[in-house]
N, C-alpha and C. Protein backbone atom coordinates (compact mmCIF):
# COMPACT_ATOMS: atom_id res chain seq x y z
N MET A 1 1.30 -1.31 -0.05
CA MET A 1 0.18 0.12 0.13
C MET A 1 0.88 1.17 -0.04
N TRP A 2 0.53 2.02 -0.83
CA TRP A 2 1.40 3.49 -0.98
C TRP A 2 0.65 4.49 -0.39
N PHE A 3 1.28 5.30 0.57
CA PHE A 3 0.17 6.48 1.24
C PHE A 3 1.55 7.57 1.34
N ILE A 4 1.21 8.94 1.24
CA ILE A 4 2.35 10.00 1.51
C ILE A 4 2.13 10.29 3.04
N VAL A 5 3.54 10.40 3.79
CA VAL A 5 3.44 10.67 4.82
C VAL A 5 3.81 12.15 4.87
N SER A 6 3.01 13.16 5.39
CA SER A 6 3.09 14.59 5.61
C SER A 6 4.47 15.00 6.60
N GLU A 7 4.74 16.38 6.16
CA GLU A 7 5.52 17.03 6.77
C GLU A 7 5.45 17.03 7.94
N ARG A 8 4.29 17.03 8.51
CA ARG A 8 4.13 17.40 10.44
C ARG A 8 4.35 15.82 10.66
N ILE A 9 3.80 14.90 10.04
CA ILE A 9 4.08 13.46 10.52
C ILE A 9 5.49 13.31 10.45
N GLN A 10 5.97 13.60 9.52
CA GLN A 10 7.44 13.25 9.82
C GLN A 10 8.19 14.34 10.66
N LEU A 11 7.67 15.37 10.68
CA LEU A 11 8.40 16.28 12.06
C LEU A 11 8.23 15.49 13.46
N GLY A 12 6.78 15.12 13.73
CA GLY A 12 6.56 14.28 14.83
C GLY A 12 7.52 13.26 15.40
N ASP A 13 7.39 12.57 14.27
CA ASP A 13 8.09 11.04 14.31
C ASP A 13 9.36 11.21 14.63
N TRP A 14 10.16 12.61 14.30
CA TRP A 14 11.39 13.09 14.17
C TRP A 14 11.63 13.19 15.88
N GLY A 15 10.83 14.26 16.34
CA GLY A 15 10.81 14.67 17.64
C GLY A 15 10.57 13.55 18.30
N GLU A 16 9.64 12.26 18.35
CA GLU A 16 9.79 10.88 19.13
C GLU A 16 10.94 10.35 19.20
N ARG A 17 11.55 10.13 18.00
CA ARG A 17 12.57 9.23 17.89
C ARG A 17 13.82 10.01 18.84
N LEU A 18 13.59 11.52 18.16
CA LEU A 18 14.96 11.81 19.27
C LEU A 18 14.61 12.06 20.78
N VAL A 19 13.67 12.00 21.00
CA VAL A 19 13.43 11.89 22.69
C VAL A 19 13.84 10.92 23.64
N ALA A 20 13.11 9.46 22.36
CA ALA A 20 13.39 8.41 22.79
C ALA A 20 15.31 7.83 22.98
N LYS A 21 15.58 8.41 21.87
CA LYS A 21 17.10 7.90 22.16
C LYS A 21 18.08 9.25 22.43
N SER A 22 17.60 9.98 22.89
CA SER A 22 18.49 11.22 23.67
C SER A 22 18.47 11.46 24.84
N VAL A 23 17.22 10.91 25.74
CA VAL A 23 16.93 11.29 27.28
C VAL A 23 16.27 9.91 27.89
N GLY A 24 17.23 9.88 28.90
CA GLY A 24 16.54 8.76 30.05
C GLY A 24 15.33 8.97 30.58
N CYS A 25 14.91 7.70 31.37
CA CYS A 25 13.27 8.16 31.89
C CYS A 25 13.37 8.63 33.12
N PRO A 26 12.41 10.02 33.16
CA PRO A 26 12.78 10.81 34.40
C PRO A 26 12.34 9.94 35.57
N LYS A 27 11.09 9.05 35.61
CA LYS A 27 10.82 8.22 36.60
C LYS A 27 11.83 7.36 37.16
N CYS A 28 12.38 6.58 36.65
CA CYS A 28 13.24 5.29 36.57
C CYS A 28 15.01 5.60 36.64
N LYS A 29 15.42 6.69 35.86
CA LYS A 29 16.33 6.83 35.53
C LYS A 29 17.06 5.90 34.73
N ASN A 30 16.38 4.98 34.13
CA ASN A 30 17.23 4.11 32.87
C ASN A 30 17.00 4.74 31.90
N HIS A 31 18.10 4.43 31.21
CA HIS A 31 18.39 5.01 29.40
C HIS A 31 18.11 4.14 28.65
N GLN A 32 17.91 4.48 27.49
CA GLN A 32 17.22 3.82 26.29
C GLN A 32 15.95 2.81 26.60
N THR A 33 15.14 3.43 27.46
CA THR A 33 14.33 2.50 27.70
C THR A 33 12.73 3.48 27.17
N LEU A 34 13.10 4.30 26.92
CA LEU A 34 11.70 5.13 26.40
C LEU A 34 11.48 4.49 24.74
N ARG A 35 10.11 3.84 24.57
CA ARG A 35 9.83 3.48 23.52
C ARG A 35 8.79 4.34 22.65
N LYS A 36 8.41 4.20 21.69
CA LYS A 36 7.01 5.07 20.68
C LYS A 36 6.33 4.02 21.02
N LEU A 37 4.77 4.68 21.40
CA LEU A 37 3.88 3.82 21.45
C LEU A 37 3.06 3.76 19.85
N VAL A 38 2.15 3.11 19.82
CA VAL A 38 1.47 2.73 18.76
C VAL A 38 0.78 4.25 18.18
N GLY A 39 0.92 4.96 16.89
CA GLY A 39 0.29 5.72 16.55
C GLY A 39 -1.02 5.86 16.84
N ASN A 40 -1.44 7.27 17.22
CA ASN A 40 -2.85 7.94 17.46
C ASN A 40 -3.29 7.00 18.62
N PHE A 41 -2.17 6.88 19.66
CA PHE A 41 -2.39 6.33 20.92
C PHE A 41 -3.14 7.85 21.38
N LYS A 42 -4.22 7.84 22.39
CA LYS A 42 -4.65 9.68 22.93
C LYS A 42 -3.61 9.76 24.15
N CYS A 43 -3.33 10.81 23.99
CA CYS A 43 -2.87 11.56 25.13
C CYS A 43 -1.24 11.38 25.48
N ALA A 44 -0.58 10.23 24.85
CA ALA A 44 0.74 9.75 25.15
C ALA A 44 1.43 9.47 23.90
N ASP A 45 2.68 9.80 23.51
CA ASP A 45 3.69 8.94 22.85
C ASP A 45 4.68 8.55 23.13
N LEU A 46 5.09 8.21 24.27
CA LEU A 46 6.14 7.54 24.80
C LEU A 46 5.78 6.55 26.07
N ILE A 47 6.67 5.29 26.17
CA ILE A 47 6.46 4.79 27.28
C ILE A 47 7.75 4.39 27.70
N CYS A 48 8.20 3.94 29.24
CA CYS A 48 9.21 3.51 29.75
C CYS A 48 8.78 1.98 29.64
N GLU A 49 9.71 1.06 28.83
CA GLU A 49 9.53 -0.42 29.22
C GLU A 49 9.99 -0.96 30.37
N PHE A 50 10.39 -0.16 31.46
CA PHE A 50 10.95 -0.52 32.80
C PHE A 50 10.03 -0.13 33.56
N CYS A 51 9.48 0.95 33.58
CA CYS A 51 8.56 1.34 34.56
C CYS A 51 7.32 1.66 34.57
N GLY A 52 7.18 2.32 33.09
CA GLY A 52 5.85 2.02 32.77
C GLY A 52 5.60 3.91 32.67
N PHE A 53 6.00 4.69 33.33
CA PHE A 53 6.16 6.04 32.36
C PHE A 53 5.57 6.28 30.87
N ILE A 54 4.50 7.33 31.09
CA ILE A 54 4.48 7.87 29.52
C ILE A 54 4.55 8.99 29.65
N ALA A 55 4.75 9.52 28.20
CA ALA A 55 4.82 10.86 28.12
C ALA A 55 4.43 11.16 27.05
N GLN A 56 4.19 12.69 26.39
CA GLN A 56 3.75 13.32 25.20
C GLN A 56 4.61 13.76 24.67
N VAL A 57 4.90 13.66 23.26
CA VAL A 57 6.01 14.90 22.69
C VAL A 57 5.65 15.70 21.84
N LYS A 58 5.68 16.83 21.83
CA LYS A 58 5.20 17.82 20.77
C LYS A 58 6.59 18.21 20.22
N THR A 59 6.58 18.35 18.52
CA THR A 59 7.61 19.06 18.04
C THR A 59 7.00 19.89 17.15
N LYS A 60 8.16 20.81 16.99
CA LYS A 60 7.65 22.14 16.10
C LYS A 60 9.30 22.49 15.49
N ASN A 61 8.95 22.86 14.45
CA ASN A 61 9.81 23.75 13.44
C ASN A 61 10.18 25.24 14.35
N VAL A 62 10.93 25.75 14.75
CA VAL A 62 11.78 27.13 15.26
C VAL A 62 12.67 27.86 14.35
N VAL A 63 12.81 29.09 14.62
CA VAL A 63 13.56 30.10 14.41
C VAL A 63 14.74 29.94 15.09
N ASN A 64 14.15 30.05 16.42
CA ASN A 64 15.24 29.69 17.80
C ASN A 64 15.03 28.70 18.73
N VAL A 65 15.70 27.79 18.70
CA VAL A 65 15.45 26.79 19.63
C VAL A 65 15.80 27.00 21.38
N GLU A 66 16.23 28.14 21.23
CA GLU A 66 16.61 28.53 22.63
C GLU A 66 15.49 29.12 23.23
N GLN A 67 14.30 29.61 22.73
CA GLN A 67 13.02 30.24 23.07
C GLN A 67 12.15 29.06 22.91
N ILE A 68 10.90 28.85 23.88
CA ILE A 68 10.02 28.20 24.15
C ILE A 68 8.59 29.03 23.09
N PRO A 69 8.35 28.24 21.92
CA PRO A 69 7.30 28.77 21.30
C PRO A 69 6.27 29.13 22.32
N ALA A 70 5.27 30.35 22.13
CA ALA A 70 4.17 31.00 22.97
C ALA A 70 3.00 29.75 23.18
N SER A 71 2.84 28.76 21.64
CA SER A 71 1.93 27.76 21.66
C SER A 71 2.10 26.73 20.78
N ILE A 72 1.95 25.53 21.12
CA ILE A 72 2.04 24.44 20.29
C ILE A 72 0.69 23.37 20.09
N LEU A 73 0.59 23.10 19.05
CA LEU A 73 -0.92 22.44 18.61
C LEU A 73 -1.05 21.20 19.47
N GLY A 74 -2.34 20.60 20.11
CA GLY A 74 -2.11 19.40 20.77
C GLY A 74 -3.12 18.71 19.86
N ALA A 75 -3.65 17.83 20.48
CA ALA A 75 -4.48 17.06 19.43
C ALA A 75 -5.71 17.35 19.77
N ALA A 76 -6.72 15.94 19.91
CA ALA A 76 -8.23 15.60 20.22
C ALA A 76 -8.63 16.38 21.38
N TRP A 77 -9.51 17.47 21.73
CA TRP A 77 -9.37 17.95 22.98
C TRP A 77 -10.55 17.28 23.82
N GLN A 78 -11.42 16.23 23.17
CA GLN A 78 -12.33 15.66 24.43
C GLN A 78 -11.29 14.60 25.23
N PRO A 79 -10.39 13.79 24.59
CA PRO A 79 -9.59 12.81 25.35
C PRO A 79 -8.31 13.74 26.75
N GLN A 80 -8.53 14.75 25.96
CA GLN A 80 -7.58 15.99 27.01
C GLN A 80 -8.27 16.16 27.91
N LYS A 81 -9.58 17.40 27.93
CA LYS A 81 -10.37 17.60 28.33
C LYS A 81 -10.87 16.41 29.54
N LEU A 82 -11.01 15.18 29.29
CA LEU A 82 -11.90 14.31 30.17
C LEU A 82 -10.40 13.33 31.10
N ARG A 83 -9.33 13.27 31.04
CA ARG A 83 -8.18 13.40 31.31
C ARG A 83 -7.85 14.51 32.41
N MET A 84 -8.05 15.68 32.11
CA MET A 84 -7.90 16.73 33.03
C MET A 84 -9.31 16.93 33.92
N GLU A 85 -9.89 16.65 33.60
CA GLU A 85 -11.39 16.18 34.96
C GLU A 85 -11.30 15.04 35.73
N ALA A 86 -10.46 14.15 35.47
CA ALA A 86 -10.17 13.19 36.55
C ALA A 86 -8.84 13.47 37.04
N GLY A 87 -7.62 14.77 36.84
CA GLY A 87 -6.75 14.80 37.87
C GLY A 87 -5.73 13.81 36.97
N ILE A 88 -5.63 13.78 35.46
CA ILE A 88 -4.67 12.99 35.15
C ILE A 88 -3.64 13.97 34.11
N TYR A 89 -2.89 14.20 34.27
CA TYR A 89 -1.69 14.65 32.98
C TYR A 89 -0.81 14.11 32.75
N THR A 90 -0.08 14.16 31.18
CA THR A 90 0.89 13.59 31.11
C THR A 90 2.02 14.51 30.95
N SER A 91 3.68 14.03 31.59
CA SER A 91 4.59 14.49 30.93
C SER A 91 4.72 14.70 30.04
N LEU A 92 5.14 15.99 29.56
CA LEU A 92 5.38 16.70 27.87
C LEU A 92 6.82 17.02 28.05
N TYR A 93 7.51 16.26 26.66
CA TYR A 93 8.52 16.91 26.21
C TYR A 93 8.26 17.63 25.14
N LEU A 94 8.82 18.67 24.83
CA LEU A 94 8.57 19.08 23.75
C LEU A 94 10.34 19.38 22.88
N ALA A 95 10.38 19.08 21.60
CA ALA A 95 10.72 18.66 20.90
C ALA A 95 11.17 19.74 19.87
N LEU A 96 12.31 20.77 19.87
CA LEU A 96 12.37 22.22 18.92
C LEU A 96 13.66 21.84 17.97
N LYS A 97 13.25 22.33 16.46
CA LYS A 97 14.15 21.71 15.67
C LYS A 97 14.27 23.50 14.97
N SER A 98 15.56 23.57 14.63
CA SER A 98 15.18 24.98 13.91
C SER A 98 15.57 24.73 12.44
N LYS A 99 14.74 25.75 11.96
CA LYS A 99 13.95 25.95 10.78
C LYS A 99 15.37 26.09 9.44
N ALA A 100 16.38 26.70 10.01
CA ALA A 100 17.51 26.87 9.13
C ALA A 100 18.36 25.19 9.28
N GLY A 101 17.87 24.40 10.26
CA GLY A 101 18.46 23.00 10.45
C GLY A 101 19.95 22.72 11.16
N VAL A 102 20.09 23.66 11.87
CA VAL A 102 21.34 23.67 12.56
C VAL A 102 21.49 23.53 13.93
N GLY A 103 20.39 23.28 14.11
CA GLY A 103 20.11 23.55 15.92
C GLY A 103 18.76 22.57 16.21
N ARG A 104 19.01 22.07 17.42
CA ARG A 104 17.68 21.54 18.25
C ARG A 104 17.78 21.55 19.67
N ALA A 105 16.45 21.52 19.90
CA ALA A 105 16.80 21.35 21.82
C ALA A 105 15.39 20.25 22.06
N ILE A 106 15.75 19.86 23.47
CA ILE A 106 14.53 19.17 24.11
C ILE A 106 14.30 19.95 25.31
N TYR A 107 12.79 19.80 25.37
CA TYR A 107 12.20 20.57 26.49
C TYR A 107 12.01 19.49 27.50
N PHE A 108 11.36 19.67 29.00
CA PHE A 108 10.77 18.85 29.87
C PHE A 108 9.83 19.47 30.40
N LEU A 109 8.56 18.92 30.37
CA LEU A 109 7.37 19.97 31.53
C LEU A 109 6.71 18.71 32.41
N PRO A 110 7.12 18.28 33.64
CA PRO A 110 6.38 17.18 34.49
C PRO A 110 5.10 17.56 34.38
N ALA A 111 4.25 16.52 34.52
CA ALA A 111 2.59 16.61 34.90
C ALA A 111 2.37 17.00 35.60
N GLU A 112 3.11 17.09 37.12
CA GLU A 112 3.01 17.52 38.42
C GLU A 112 2.72 19.31 38.16
N LEU A 113 3.91 19.61 37.14
CA LEU A 113 3.66 21.07 36.95
C LEU A 113 2.95 22.20 35.90
N GLN A 114 1.77 21.20 35.69
CA GLN A 114 0.97 21.68 34.45
C GLN A 114 -0.40 22.27 35.26
N THR A 115 -1.10 23.05 34.11
CA THR A 115 -2.22 23.50 34.91
C THR A 115 -3.48 23.39 33.62
N PRO A 116 -4.51 23.41 34.29
CA PRO A 116 -5.61 23.32 33.24
C PRO A 116 -5.79 24.66 32.27
N LYS A 117 -5.18 25.45 32.89
CA LYS A 117 -5.67 27.01 32.02
C LYS A 117 -4.79 27.05 30.79
N MET A 118 -3.22 25.63 30.64
CA MET A 118 -2.62 26.20 29.77
C MET A 118 -3.22 25.37 28.40
N PHE A 119 -4.16 24.48 28.46
CA PHE A 119 -4.58 23.41 27.45
C PHE A 119 -6.20 24.70 26.93
N VAL A 120 -6.02 24.70 25.79
CA VAL A 120 -7.12 26.34 25.12
C VAL A 120 -7.90 25.19 24.23
N PRO A 121 -8.99 24.78 24.25
CA PRO A 121 -9.43 24.15 23.16
C PRO A 121 -10.03 25.23 21.74
N ARG A 122 -9.90 25.02 20.81
CA ARG A 122 -10.01 25.28 19.33
C ARG A 122 -11.56 25.14 19.13
N LYS A 123 -11.86 26.07 18.25
CA LYS A 123 -13.48 26.05 17.58
C LYS A 123 -13.47 24.48 16.93
N PRO A 124 -14.41 24.22 17.09
CA PRO A 124 -14.81 22.83 16.54
C PRO A 124 -14.39 22.77 15.21
N LEU A 125 -14.32 21.84 13.96
CA LEU A 125 -14.28 22.14 12.72
C LEU A 125 -15.71 22.22 12.22
N SER A 126 -16.18 22.92 11.23
CA SER A 126 -17.25 23.38 10.47
C SER A 126 -17.92 22.21 9.80
N GLU A 127 -19.22 22.38 9.72
CA GLU A 127 -19.64 20.91 9.44
C GLU A 127 -19.45 20.52 8.06
N ASN A 128 -18.71 21.42 7.20
CA ASN A 128 -18.30 21.25 5.83
C ASN A 128 -17.13 20.46 6.01
N ALA A 129 -16.19 20.28 6.73
CA ALA A 129 -14.96 19.85 6.80
C ALA A 129 -14.97 18.15 6.83
N LYS A 130 -13.87 17.62 6.40
CA LYS A 130 -13.52 16.01 6.83
C LYS A 130 -13.85 15.14 7.65
N ARG A 131 -13.58 16.05 8.77
CA ARG A 131 -14.05 15.37 10.09
C ARG A 131 -14.89 16.54 11.18
N ALA A 132 -16.03 16.63 10.62
CA ALA A 132 -17.21 17.78 10.73
C ALA A 132 -17.00 17.56 12.56
N GLY A 133 -16.69 19.00 13.44
CA GLY A 133 -17.12 18.79 14.68
C GLY A 133 -15.75 18.52 15.71
N TRP A 134 -14.64 17.92 14.84
CA TRP A 134 -13.71 17.18 15.56
C TRP A 134 -12.88 18.65 16.00
N GLN A 135 -12.48 18.57 17.38
CA GLN A 135 -12.23 19.91 17.98
C GLN A 135 -10.71 19.75 18.54
N GLY A 136 -9.32 20.21 18.32
CA GLY A 136 -8.40 20.31 18.78
C GLY A 136 -8.21 21.16 19.83
N PHE A 137 -7.14 21.47 20.23
CA PHE A 137 -6.74 22.30 21.41
C PHE A 137 -5.11 22.73 21.34
N LEU A 138 -4.93 23.96 22.05
CA LEU A 138 -3.63 24.20 21.66
C LEU A 138 -3.03 24.68 23.05
N ILE A 139 -1.70 24.40 23.33
CA ILE A 139 -1.25 24.12 24.50
C ILE A 139 -0.20 25.49 24.31
N ASP A 140 -0.95 26.43 25.26
CA ASP A 140 -0.07 27.89 25.97
C ASP A 140 0.68 28.13 26.77
N THR A 141 1.87 27.74 25.92
CA THR A 141 2.96 27.65 27.14
C THR A 141 3.68 28.66 27.63
N ARG A 142 3.17 29.98 27.65
CA ARG A 142 3.42 31.36 28.23
C ARG A 142 2.62 30.82 29.55
N GLN A 143 1.89 30.27 29.68
CA GLN A 143 1.18 30.20 31.26
C GLN A 143 2.14 29.02 32.46
N VAL A 144 3.11 28.41 31.51
CA VAL A 144 3.95 27.65 32.60
C VAL A 144 5.66 27.37 32.00
N SER A 145 5.95 28.83 31.03
CA SER A 145 7.16 28.75 30.25
C SER A 145 8.51 28.65 31.03
N ASP A 146 8.06 29.12 32.90
CA ASP A 146 9.23 29.18 33.65
C ASP A 146 9.11 27.50 34.24
N ARG A 147 8.80 26.84 33.79
CA ARG A 147 8.14 25.08 34.45
C ARG A 147 9.36 24.30 33.53
N PHE A 148 9.22 24.53 32.29
CA PHE A 148 10.32 23.79 31.21
C PHE A 148 11.76 24.06 31.72
N VAL A 149 12.38 22.43 31.72
CA VAL A 149 13.80 22.34 31.98
C VAL A 149 14.16 21.65 30.46
N ARG A 150 15.17 22.61 30.03
CA ARG A 150 16.18 22.55 28.80
C ARG A 150 16.68 20.99 29.30
N ILE A 151 16.91 19.95 28.64
CA ILE A 151 17.42 18.85 28.91
C ILE A 151 18.24 18.10 27.88
N ASP A 152 17.92 18.84 26.54
CA ASP A 152 19.21 18.29 25.55
C ASP A 152 19.22 19.51 24.36
N SER A 153 20.44 19.61 23.73
CA SER A 153 20.62 20.42 22.89
C SER A 153 21.49 19.90 22.05
N GLY A 154 21.78 20.35 20.80
CA GLY A 154 22.42 19.70 19.46
C GLY A 154 22.35 20.05 18.33
N SER A 155 22.78 19.38 17.35
CA SER A 155 22.64 19.32 15.64
C SER A 155 21.28 18.64 15.50
N SER A 156 20.52 19.15 14.65
CA SER A 156 19.84 18.53 13.69
C SER A 156 20.30 17.06 13.30
């Protein structure tokens, strides 16, 4: 079967692979134990095969990897909303890639330092859209920018 993988999907895959190979598990401290979950797993991208820690990875092309972007696209709002209502947050890695292709950075935001205000629902898609009614969200990093920890930098 032939299909085209969008640039956005390729960028997301790059970020997930980068985090999995570059950082150790923040819970059990083991290295090389973070693994990608299956595609479309809700609200999580990586799992530690040793201790079960889960995390989400968001990836973005930026001009300056030294600066956390003001917002990042999230995914589906409904699963995120339900988890927040249950008091469940997923630790977040932010993989930034230089648009010029000369740098990268990984930032980490633990689940316990996240707030409901940082997750901003977007308008649902119109009834004419392919996925009518689907609703995404934005992560407003300005709410918690002082809580991110930079854990890796290097060349793309």
